[in-house]
Structure formats: C-alpha cells, structure tokens
Amino acid sequence: MRCPYCGKMNVYVHARHSTEIKDFPFLPKHRQSLVFYYHGYKCRECGHHFMEPIPAKVPNARITIRAAEWIKGLLSRNMPVSAVAEITGFHWETVKKIHLGFMDEFLRKRKEELHRSGYKPTYLAVDEFAIHKGHSYASCVMDLETGEILWVGQGRGMEDFRKFFKEYDMERLNNVKAFAMDMNASFNRLVEEYMPKTEIVYDRYHMQAQYGKDVLGSVRLEEARKHQDKSNELKKLVGTVDDKETLQKLKQEIRNENQGYTRLKKARWAVLTNSRNLSESGGEALDEILNSHSDLATCYAMKEEMNRLFELRDKEKAYYGWMKWFLAAEESGIPQLQKFAKLKVRRLKGLVAHATHPISTGKLEDTNNKIKVAKRIAFGYRDQGYFFTLIRYQSSLGLPTIP
C-alpha cells in the first residue's frame, strides 16, 4: 500500500475492520447484503491513518456499484423512485442520492459540451407551472432552439425570477435576441433590467386564449343569457293568453329563444377555432349565429384580425395593424372588448416584436408533459432541488450533440 498523503510505501496494518454493504436483491423485496473486510493503515513516514478502499462500493453510500447501476437502469425507464425503493429494499434517500448523482454528472458533461462548442442560445422563453395542487408554483427558462430547460426556480413572482439572472452565467446569454413570455407576468421588467438589448416577445397563444375566455366567452354567454331571460319572460305570459293562435305564436317564440340559447351554449368551439379549420356545415351554423348577434360578430371579426396580425413579418405593418386593432376595440362599445384592449395596449411593443421574432412559449408549454413525468418519478420527493434537477435532466435527454 502507498500512503495517499506522502506517497511513500512505508506503511503497516494498524487495524482490521468489516462493513456491510447493500447489494441488489436476487428477488424483489428480498434484501441482500455483502460483508467486506478491509484494513486500516498507518504511515511510518508521515504518521497519517488511512483506510483500504473497497472497489465494489459507491463513494459516500453503503451500496454496491452494480446495485447503483441497476437503480440507474430502472430510473431510466421512468420508474418512480418510491417504486425502485420498494423493489430493492433500499431507502428512498439512497435511491434519490444515486439518481441525483448520475443526473448531476450528466448535466455537468452537457454544460462542458456546450462550453467547448461555444454554443450560446438565441431565443429564450419563461413560463410558470404548478408544483402541487393549489397555489404552489415554479418558474423555468427554456432554450427554444434546443428545447433544454436552462433554469428552474421556486415561485412565479418577479423576485423569484430575479434568481435566474443571479444564478445563471450571463455571459452565456449575450447572444439572446428575444425572450418570449406571458404578458400577465412582470418578468419583462427584469429582462429589460439585465438584458437591455434583448427584445421581449409576448406569447400569442396566451393572448389568444385570454381573448377567447374574457371576450368571446363572456360575450357569447351574455348573449345566451339574453335568450334565456327572454324565454323566461315569455313563459310568464303563457297563462295570461286565451287566444289559441296567439298562444301558438307565443310558444313558438319561446322555442326559438330556447334554441338560440342552446346554439350559443354549444358554439364555444366554433367561435374559438380558426375559421379555416371549420367544416362547411360548421361555418354555415356559425354564420347564422353571428348574423343574429352583432356584438359577438364584432368580437369574432376582431379575433380573426388578431390572428392575421400575428402572422405578419413586417414590423412597421404590424405596428400600424395593432394600433388600428386597439382603436377599433375602443370604439366598439363592447365593454369586454374595451377592457381587454385597455390592458393589452400597454404591451404593444412586445406584440409588434413578434413580427421580427415569431417565437412563443408553446414549446415550453409542451414541456409540462415532461414535468408531469418528473412529478411521477419523484413521487414523494423531499426537496425542491432534486425535483428541479430532474426537470432539467428530463428536458436534456435525447438532445443532439452540439458540434
């Protein structure tokens, strides 16, 4: 034996020890351990004590290397940590420690690979996701070109997002041209503060979804309620009419109002979808509804114009197009549309930027499926750091090698 401190071979056996190390079971739930005998040595030259290494043992864990490889193999198949712990008989924390170790190693090598290649992201996106049911959220930043999650942090407030700029290497971000985000968050202020040359692009899908809910949905339900209220008023008159012909007309009006109510309640998908995607019969049914409800027709036309504006690739045309859109919304006299436009006109710069940089947080939204897988794998996780590392690891799997 050579002394690890002075390098001399003038050592002697100072003590004899044994240790029990867990091995992978030959049957599920049948725990198996191996006993290793090893020596304690003392150097005659420098006086230091040291222990004989156990080659089969994982560093900093009482588990064999082959058991750790089995754990890695099971976890690579997206098995939950709790299930692996139950099958192997290892403690949850032991399984998590092995998992975290090889994920950290993978992410470290990935970082070195990117650094060697000189790769720097050009387009980023930030969005939030729910950690638990209720009001527990986290925020994450994605490289839109590779689909890799660069950072995950707890919370969705502005100060929570500030941690990204303090924890991430900002030199790696000096090539970023645009940052996509939801306009309802305050993330834009921090991007302007830390990355003043980067353009902010507001996500079209968040805006379209909000327009569909707050404007089209609200106006459609309001028109439906009008039919229902009118039907209820007519029903009150039924008992007061003696003339048979008048009574028949009254009942027919009630049926018409009920049919109008039903048509509007069922028209949600037809109103929200792109007109190009409607079938011929669906388009005819929608036209019939819009022809008899002017406010809804106006809001629908504004939705179609909004879709057209997001397709523009000329910044000047986009600017004047959006200005006309907001002016038309203000002059429409429809409260829901006016309120929506009043809030969104403040984000005009980020809407116009979409013409130059047609990016969105859509890819980041798709990553929510991977986050759900990560939740299932980490079922019962005790710390956020492990869960966030798992999200980053899942997003990096299968990515092409950077040349």
Protein backbone atom coordinates (compact mmCIF):
# COMPACT_ATOMS: atom_id res chain seq x y z
CA MET A 1 0.00 0.00 0.00
CA ARG A 2 1.14 3.53 -0.79
CA CYS A 3 0.34 6.39 1.60
CA PRO A 4 -2.13 8.77 -0.10
CA TYR A 5 -0.65 11.71 1.86
CA CYS A 6 3.13 11.45 1.32
CA GLY A 7 3.28 8.83 -1.44
CA LYS A 8 5.68 6.56 0.45
CA MET A 9 5.16 2.81 0.76
CA ASN A 10 6.41 2.58 4.35
CA VAL A 11 3.03 1.68 5.90
CA TYR A 12 1.76 -1.06 8.21
CA VAL A 13 -1.62 -2.57 9.18
CA HIS A 14 -2.97 -0.56 12.07
CA ALA A 15 -6.43 -2.17 12.39
CA ARG A 16 -8.85 -4.61 10.77
CA HIS A 17 -12.48 -3.70 10.01
CA SER A 18 -15.59 -5.09 8.37
CA THR A 19 -18.60 -3.36 6.84
CA GLU A 20 -21.96 -4.45 5.46
CA ILE A 21 -22.91 -3.03 2.05
CA LYS A 22 -26.31 -3.44 0.43
CA ASP A 23 -26.40 -5.25 -2.87
CA PHE A 24 -29.17 -5.59 -5.46
CA PRO A 25 -31.62 -8.32 -4.34
CA PHE A 26 -31.89 -11.54 -6.33
CA LEU A 27 -35.68 -11.36 -5.81
CA PRO A 28 -37.92 -8.29 -5.31
CA LYS A 29 -38.20 -7.18 -1.69
CA HIS A 30 -35.57 -9.75 -0.60
CA ARG A 31 -32.78 -7.64 0.81
CA GLN A 32 -29.24 -8.77 0.12
CA SER A 33 -26.03 -7.50 1.70
CA LEU A 34 -22.33 -8.25 1.28
CA VAL A 35 -19.79 -8.09 4.11
CA PHE A 36 -16.39 -6.66 3.19
CA TYR A 37 -13.26 -6.97 5.35
CA TYR A 38 -10.66 -4.25 4.99
CA HIS A 39 -7.59 -2.86 6.73
CA GLY A 40 -6.74 0.36 8.42
CA TYR A 41 -3.18 1.54 7.73
CA LYS A 42 -0.71 3.94 9.31
CA CYS A 43 2.22 5.56 7.54
CA ARG A 44 5.58 5.35 9.32
CA GLU A 45 6.86 8.37 7.38
CA CYS A 46 4.12 11.00 7.94
CA GLY A 47 2.05 9.32 10.66
CA HIS A 48 -1.30 9.58 8.80
CA HIS A 49 -4.01 6.93 9.11
CA PHE A 50 -6.00 5.79 6.07
CA MET A 51 -8.39 3.01 5.13
CA GLU A 52 -8.09 0.36 2.45
CA PRO A 53 -10.53 1.25 -0.39
CA ILE A 54 -13.43 -1.08 -1.29
CA PRO A 55 -13.62 -1.14 -5.13
CA ALA A 56 -17.17 -2.54 -5.21
CA LYS A 57 -18.60 0.27 -3.07
CA VAL A 58 -20.22 3.50 -4.33
CA PRO A 59 -18.42 6.53 -2.84
CA ASN A 60 -20.34 8.15 0.04
CA ALA A 61 -23.03 5.44 0.04
CA ARG A 62 -23.29 1.97 1.62
CA ILE A 63 -24.32 0.31 -1.66
CA THR A 64 -22.51 -1.72 -4.31
CA ILE A 65 -21.66 -0.29 -7.71
CA ARG A 66 -23.68 -2.97 -9.51
CA ALA A 67 -26.73 -2.14 -7.36
CA ALA A 68 -26.32 1.52 -8.31
CA GLU A 69 -26.21 0.52 -11.99
CA TRP A 70 -29.46 -1.43 -11.56
CA ILE A 71 -31.05 1.63 -9.93
CA LYS A 72 -29.91 3.82 -12.83
CA GLY A 73 -31.38 1.33 -15.31
CA LEU A 74 -34.77 1.24 -13.55
CA LEU A 75 -34.94 5.02 -13.22
CA SER A 76 -34.00 5.48 -16.87
CA ARG A 77 -37.29 3.69 -17.65
CA ASN A 78 -39.15 6.44 -15.76
CA MET A 79 -39.95 4.23 -12.78
CA PRO A 80 -40.89 6.26 -9.68
CA VAL A 81 -38.21 6.50 -7.01
CA SER A 82 -40.68 5.12 -4.47
CA ALA A 83 -41.26 2.02 -6.63
CA VAL A 84 -37.50 1.40 -7.03
CA ALA A 85 -37.05 1.79 -3.26
CA GLU A 86 -39.83 -0.73 -2.61
CA ILE A 87 -38.49 -3.33 -5.09
CA THR A 88 -34.86 -3.10 -3.98
CA GLY A 89 -35.41 -2.55 -0.28
CA PHE A 90 -33.12 0.48 -0.35
CA HIS A 91 -34.10 3.64 1.50
CA TRP A 92 -35.82 6.33 -0.61
CA GLU A 93 -33.00 8.75 0.18
CA THR A 94 -30.41 6.22 -1.05
CA VAL A 95 -32.19 5.79 -4.38
CA LYS A 96 -32.56 9.57 -4.67
CA LYS A 97 -28.87 10.04 -3.91
CA ILE A 98 -27.84 7.62 -6.69
CA HIS A 99 -30.32 9.27 -9.08
CA LEU A 100 -29.16 12.77 -8.23
CA GLY A 101 -25.53 11.73 -8.63
CA PHE A 102 -25.81 10.49 -12.20
CA MET A 103 -28.15 13.36 -13.19
CA ASP A 104 -25.63 15.92 -11.89
CA GLU A 105 -22.88 14.14 -13.81
CA PHE A 106 -24.97 14.15 -16.99
CA LEU A 107 -25.78 17.87 -16.67
CA ARG A 108 -22.14 18.69 -15.87
CA LYS A 109 -20.96 16.92 -19.04
CA ARG A 110 -23.71 18.65 -21.03
CA LYS A 111 -22.56 22.03 -19.72
CA GLU A 112 -18.94 21.26 -20.62
CA GLU A 113 -20.00 20.13 -24.08
CA LEU A 114 -21.85 23.41 -24.69
CA HIS A 115 -18.93 25.41 -23.34
CA ARG A 116 -16.40 23.65 -25.59
CA SER A 117 -18.57 24.18 -28.67
CA GLY A 118 -19.06 27.88 -27.88
CA TYR A 119 -22.82 27.44 -28.24
CA LYS A 120 -24.98 30.27 -26.89
CA PRO A 121 -28.79 30.42 -27.02
CA THR A 122 -30.52 32.91 -29.32
CA TYR A 123 -34.14 32.63 -28.21
CA LEU A 124 -35.41 32.02 -24.68
CA ALA A 125 -38.84 31.56 -23.09
CA VAL A 126 -40.02 31.77 -19.50
CA ASP A 127 -43.22 30.40 -18.03
CA GLU A 128 -44.64 29.06 -14.79
CA PHE A 129 -46.01 25.66 -13.82
CA ALA A 130 -47.82 24.21 -10.82
CA ILE A 131 -45.76 22.11 -8.41
CA HIS A 132 -48.65 20.99 -6.22
CA LYS A 133 -52.39 21.43 -6.36
CA GLY A 134 -53.31 24.86 -5.06
CA HIS A 135 -51.05 27.86 -5.24
CA SER A 136 -47.56 26.34 -5.28
CA TYR A 137 -45.73 27.34 -8.46
CA ALA A 138 -42.28 27.34 -10.03
CA SER A 139 -40.79 29.19 -13.00
CA CYS A 140 -38.50 27.81 -15.69
CA VAL A 141 -36.45 29.20 -18.57
CA MET A 142 -36.04 27.26 -21.83
CA ASP A 143 -33.65 27.49 -24.76
CA LEU A 144 -36.20 27.49 -27.60
CA GLU A 145 -33.69 26.21 -30.15
CA THR A 146 -32.74 23.03 -28.29
CA GLY A 147 -35.77 22.65 -26.00
CA GLU A 148 -33.47 22.42 -22.99
CA ILE A 149 -34.55 23.79 -19.60
CA LEU A 150 -31.74 26.12 -18.51
CA TRP A 151 -33.06 27.05 -15.08
CA VAL A 152 -35.87 26.16 -12.67
CA GLY A 153 -36.76 28.11 -9.54
CA GLN A 154 -39.48 28.11 -6.95
CA GLY A 155 -42.17 30.80 -7.15
CA ARG A 156 -43.55 32.89 -10.00
CA GLY A 157 -43.06 36.41 -8.72
CA MET A 158 -40.64 38.99 -10.07
CA GLU A 159 -38.15 38.49 -7.24
CA ASP A 160 -38.33 34.72 -7.73
CA PHE A 161 -37.40 35.18 -11.39
CA ARG A 162 -34.54 37.53 -10.46
CA LYS A 163 -32.67 34.46 -9.15
CA PHE A 164 -32.25 33.27 -12.74
CA PHE A 165 -30.15 36.31 -13.64
CA LYS A 166 -28.09 35.99 -10.46
CA GLU A 167 -27.52 32.23 -10.67
CA TYR A 168 -27.00 31.79 -14.42
CA ASP A 169 -23.82 32.76 -16.28
CA MET A 170 -24.90 35.97 -18.02
CA GLU A 171 -22.00 35.75 -20.49
CA ARG A 172 -23.76 32.72 -21.94
CA LEU A 173 -26.77 34.94 -22.71
CA ASN A 174 -25.13 37.79 -24.62
CA ASN A 175 -26.35 36.39 -27.97
CA VAL A 176 -30.02 36.24 -26.98
CA LYS A 177 -32.12 38.21 -29.47
CA ALA A 178 -35.59 37.75 -27.97
CA PHE A 179 -37.28 36.46 -24.82
CA ALA A 180 -40.82 35.01 -25.05
CA MET A 181 -43.17 35.30 -22.09
CA ASP A 182 -46.75 35.62 -20.91
CA MET A 183 -47.76 39.28 -20.77
CA ASN A 184 -49.63 38.81 -17.49
CA ALA A 185 -46.38 38.32 -15.57
CA SER A 186 -43.89 41.02 -14.54
CA PHE A 187 -40.91 39.15 -15.98
CA ASN A 188 -40.45 41.81 -18.69
CA ARG A 189 -39.08 44.32 -16.17
CA LEU A 190 -36.21 42.03 -15.19
CA VAL A 191 -35.35 41.21 -18.80
CA GLU A 192 -35.21 44.95 -19.55
CA GLU A 193 -33.00 45.44 -16.48
CA TYR A 194 -30.50 42.61 -17.03
CA MET A 195 -30.70 42.15 -20.83
CA PRO A 196 -31.49 45.63 -22.23
CA LYS A 197 -30.57 44.66 -25.82
CA THR A 198 -32.95 41.68 -25.86
CA GLU A 199 -36.43 42.15 -27.34
CA ILE A 200 -39.42 40.96 -25.35
CA VAL A 201 -41.99 38.95 -27.33
CA TYR A 202 -45.38 38.35 -25.77
CA ASP A 203 -46.77 34.90 -26.35
CA ARG A 204 -49.56 34.86 -28.93
CA TYR A 205 -51.22 31.74 -27.53
CA HIS A 206 -51.61 33.18 -24.03
CA MET A 207 -53.16 36.32 -25.54
CA GLN A 208 -55.47 34.37 -27.86
CA ALA A 209 -56.55 32.07 -25.03
CA GLN A 210 -57.29 35.04 -22.76
CA TYR A 211 -59.21 36.79 -25.54
CA GLY A 212 -61.25 33.64 -26.09
CA LYS A 213 -62.12 33.45 -22.39
CA ASP A 214 -62.52 37.11 -21.36
CA VAL A 215 -64.05 38.49 -24.56
CA LEU A 216 -65.54 35.85 -26.86
CA GLY A 217 -66.58 33.58 -24.00
CA SER A 218 -68.05 36.39 -21.92
CA VAL A 219 -69.97 37.99 -24.83
CA ARG A 220 -71.26 34.60 -26.03
CA LEU A 221 -72.61 33.70 -22.58
CA GLU A 222 -74.11 37.18 -22.19
CA GLU A 223 -75.99 36.76 -25.50
CA ALA A 224 -77.10 33.29 -24.38
CA ARG A 225 -78.44 34.71 -21.10
CA LYS A 226 -80.45 37.26 -23.07
CA HIS A 227 -82.20 34.40 -24.89
CA GLN A 228 -82.83 32.64 -21.59
CA ASP A 229 -84.19 35.77 -19.90
CA LYS A 230 -86.45 36.46 -22.88
CA SER A 231 -87.70 32.87 -22.78
CA ASN A 232 -88.50 33.16 -19.06
CA GLU A 233 -90.39 36.40 -19.62
CA LEU A 234 -92.47 34.84 -22.41
CA LYS A 235 -93.25 31.80 -20.24
CA LYS A 236 -94.85 34.10 -17.68
CA LEU A 237 -97.26 35.32 -20.38
CA VAL A 238 -98.45 31.85 -21.37
CA GLY A 239 -101.06 31.66 -18.59
CA THR A 240 -102.48 35.07 -19.46
CA VAL A 241 -103.24 34.37 -23.16
CA ASP A 242 -106.61 32.89 -24.12
CA ASP A 243 -106.46 33.19 -27.90
CA LYS A 244 -105.25 29.90 -29.39
CA GLU A 245 -103.41 31.43 -32.34
CA THR A 246 -101.63 33.97 -30.15
CA LEU A 247 -100.73 31.20 -27.72
CA GLN A 248 -99.17 29.13 -30.52
CA LYS A 249 -97.11 32.13 -31.68
CA LEU A 250 -96.01 32.73 -28.10
CA LYS A 251 -94.89 29.13 -27.66
CA GLN A 252 -93.04 29.26 -30.97
CA GLU A 253 -91.19 32.38 -29.77
CA ILE A 254 -90.26 30.53 -26.56
CA ARG A 255 -88.91 27.60 -28.62
CA ASN A 256 -86.92 30.00 -30.78
CA GLU A 257 -85.39 31.68 -27.73
CA ASN A 258 -84.53 28.29 -26.18
CA GLN A 259 -82.96 27.16 -29.44
CA GLY A 260 -80.95 30.37 -29.62
CA TYR A 261 -79.75 29.78 -26.05
CA THR A 262 -78.76 26.17 -26.83
CA ARG A 263 -76.97 27.11 -30.06
CA LEU A 264 -74.87 29.73 -28.29
CA LYS A 265 -74.03 27.41 -25.39
CA LYS A 266 -72.82 24.76 -27.84
CA ALA A 267 -70.98 27.20 -30.12
CA ARG A 268 -67.90 27.56 -27.90
CA TRP A 269 -65.57 25.51 -30.11
CA ALA A 270 -66.89 27.03 -33.36
CA VAL A 271 -66.36 30.57 -32.06
CA LEU A 272 -62.86 29.91 -30.72
CA THR A 273 -61.42 27.88 -33.60
CA ASN A 274 -59.81 29.37 -36.69
CA SER A 275 -62.33 29.92 -39.48
CA ARG A 276 -60.08 27.96 -41.88
CA ASN A 277 -60.49 24.85 -39.74
CA LEU A 278 -64.30 24.83 -39.75
CA SER A 279 -66.22 22.40 -41.94
CA GLU A 280 -68.74 23.75 -44.43
CA SER A 281 -71.71 22.91 -42.19
CA GLY A 282 -69.89 24.30 -39.15
CA GLY A 283 -69.16 27.53 -40.98
CA GLU A 284 -72.80 27.91 -42.03
CA ALA A 285 -74.01 27.32 -38.45
CA LEU A 286 -71.52 29.89 -37.14
CA ASP A 287 -72.57 32.45 -39.77
CA GLU A 288 -76.19 32.01 -38.69
CA ILE A 289 -75.24 32.75 -35.08
CA LEU A 290 -73.05 35.75 -35.95
CA ASN A 291 -75.69 37.27 -38.27
CA SER A 292 -78.17 37.42 -35.40
CA HIS A 293 -75.73 38.61 -32.67
CA SER A 294 -73.89 41.77 -33.70
CA ASP A 295 -71.65 42.10 -30.61
CA LEU A 296 -70.48 38.52 -30.92
CA ALA A 297 -69.90 39.02 -34.65
CA THR A 298 -67.73 42.07 -33.92
CA CYS A 299 -65.66 40.19 -31.33
CA TYR A 300 -65.27 37.25 -33.71
CA ALA A 301 -64.06 39.54 -36.50
CA MET A 302 -61.57 41.10 -34.08
CA LYS A 303 -60.31 37.62 -33.19
CA GLU A 304 -59.72 36.79 -36.84
CA GLU A 305 -57.88 40.09 -37.33
CA MET A 306 -55.75 39.34 -34.26
CA ASN A 307 -54.73 36.01 -35.81
CA ARG A 308 -53.80 37.82 -39.03
CA LEU A 309 -51.65 40.35 -37.17
CA PHE A 310 -49.66 37.58 -35.50
CA GLU A 311 -48.85 36.21 -38.95
CA LEU A 312 -47.27 39.49 -40.14
CA ARG A 313 -43.48 39.56 -40.56
CA ASP A 314 -43.11 43.28 -41.28
CA LYS A 315 -42.58 45.29 -38.10
CA GLU A 316 -44.00 48.55 -39.47
CA LYS A 317 -47.14 46.87 -40.82
CA ALA A 318 -47.54 45.05 -37.50
CA TYR A 319 -47.28 48.33 -35.56
CA TYR A 320 -49.96 50.13 -37.59
CA GLY A 321 -52.10 46.99 -37.67
CA TRP A 322 -52.10 46.67 -33.91
CA MET A 323 -52.78 50.40 -33.46
CA LYS A 324 -55.86 50.08 -35.71
CA TRP A 325 -56.95 46.97 -33.80
CA PHE A 326 -56.80 48.70 -30.41
CA LEU A 327 -58.58 51.79 -31.80
CA ALA A 328 -61.36 49.62 -33.25
CA ALA A 329 -61.71 47.80 -29.93
CA GLU A 330 -62.03 51.10 -28.06
CA GLU A 331 -64.69 52.36 -30.48
CA SER A 332 -66.67 49.08 -30.49
CA GLY A 333 -68.76 50.00 -27.45
CA ILE A 334 -68.47 46.39 -26.18
CA PRO A 335 -67.33 46.55 -22.52
CA GLN A 336 -65.46 43.22 -22.53
CA LEU A 337 -63.55 44.11 -25.68
CA GLN A 338 -62.76 47.63 -24.47
CA LYS A 339 -61.44 46.33 -21.14
CA PHE A 340 -59.25 43.73 -22.85
CA ALA A 341 -57.79 46.28 -25.28
CA LYS A 342 -57.11 48.78 -22.49
CA LEU A 343 -54.97 46.22 -20.67
CA LYS A 344 -53.12 44.89 -23.71
CA VAL A 345 -52.29 48.18 -25.45
CA ARG A 346 -49.61 48.67 -22.80
CA ARG A 347 -47.83 45.63 -24.25
CA LEU A 348 -47.81 46.99 -27.81
CA LYS A 349 -44.01 46.85 -28.18
CA GLY A 350 -43.87 43.16 -27.30
CA LEU A 351 -46.74 42.35 -29.67
CA VAL A 352 -45.06 44.16 -32.55
CA ALA A 353 -41.77 42.34 -31.80
CA HIS A 354 -43.48 39.09 -32.77
CA ALA A 355 -43.25 40.18 -36.41
CA THR A 356 -39.43 40.16 -36.21
CA HIS A 357 -39.09 37.22 -33.83
CA PRO A 358 -42.07 34.84 -34.30
CA ILE A 359 -41.41 32.83 -31.13
CA SER A 360 -43.74 31.73 -28.35
CA THR A 361 -43.78 29.78 -25.10
CA GLY A 362 -45.57 26.93 -26.89
CA LYS A 363 -42.57 24.59 -26.71
CA LEU A 364 -42.27 25.36 -23.02
CA GLU A 365 -45.96 24.52 -22.55
CA ASP A 366 -45.28 21.14 -24.18
CA THR A 367 -42.56 20.55 -21.60
CA ASN A 368 -45.29 20.44 -18.96
CA ASN A 369 -45.81 16.81 -20.05
CA LYS A 370 -42.18 16.06 -19.15
CA ILE A 371 -42.70 17.86 -15.84
CA LYS A 372 -45.66 15.59 -15.15
CA VAL A 373 -43.40 12.58 -15.80
CA ALA A 374 -40.82 14.09 -13.43
CA LYS A 375 -43.51 14.50 -10.78
CA ARG A 376 -44.43 10.84 -11.13
CA ILE A 377 -40.80 9.69 -10.95
CA ALA A 378 -40.11 11.86 -7.90
CA PHE A 379 -43.35 10.90 -6.15
CA GLY A 380 -42.85 11.74 -2.50
CA TYR A 381 -39.78 13.94 -3.10
CA ARG A 382 -38.50 15.74 -0.02
CA ASP A 383 -36.59 18.66 -1.54
CA GLN A 384 -37.18 21.06 -4.42
CA GLY A 385 -33.57 20.92 -5.60
CA TYR A 386 -33.85 17.25 -6.53
CA PHE A 387 -37.14 17.80 -8.36
CA PHE A 388 -35.79 20.78 -10.32
CA THR A 389 -32.65 18.84 -11.29
CA LEU A 390 -34.90 16.04 -12.51
CA ILE A 391 -36.84 18.50 -14.72
CA ARG A 392 -33.62 19.82 -16.28
CA TYR A 393 -32.33 16.28 -16.79
CA GLN A 394 -35.57 15.13 -18.45
CA SER A 395 -35.50 18.10 -20.83
CA SER A 396 -31.89 17.35 -21.85
CA LEU A 397 -32.37 13.65 -22.67
CA GLY A 398 -32.17 12.81 -26.36
CA LEU A 399 -30.88 16.23 -27.42
CA PRO A 400 -28.46 16.22 -30.35
CA THR A 401 -24.77 16.71 -29.67
CA ILE A 402 -23.61 20.29 -30.16
CA PRO A 403 -20.87 20.30 -32.85
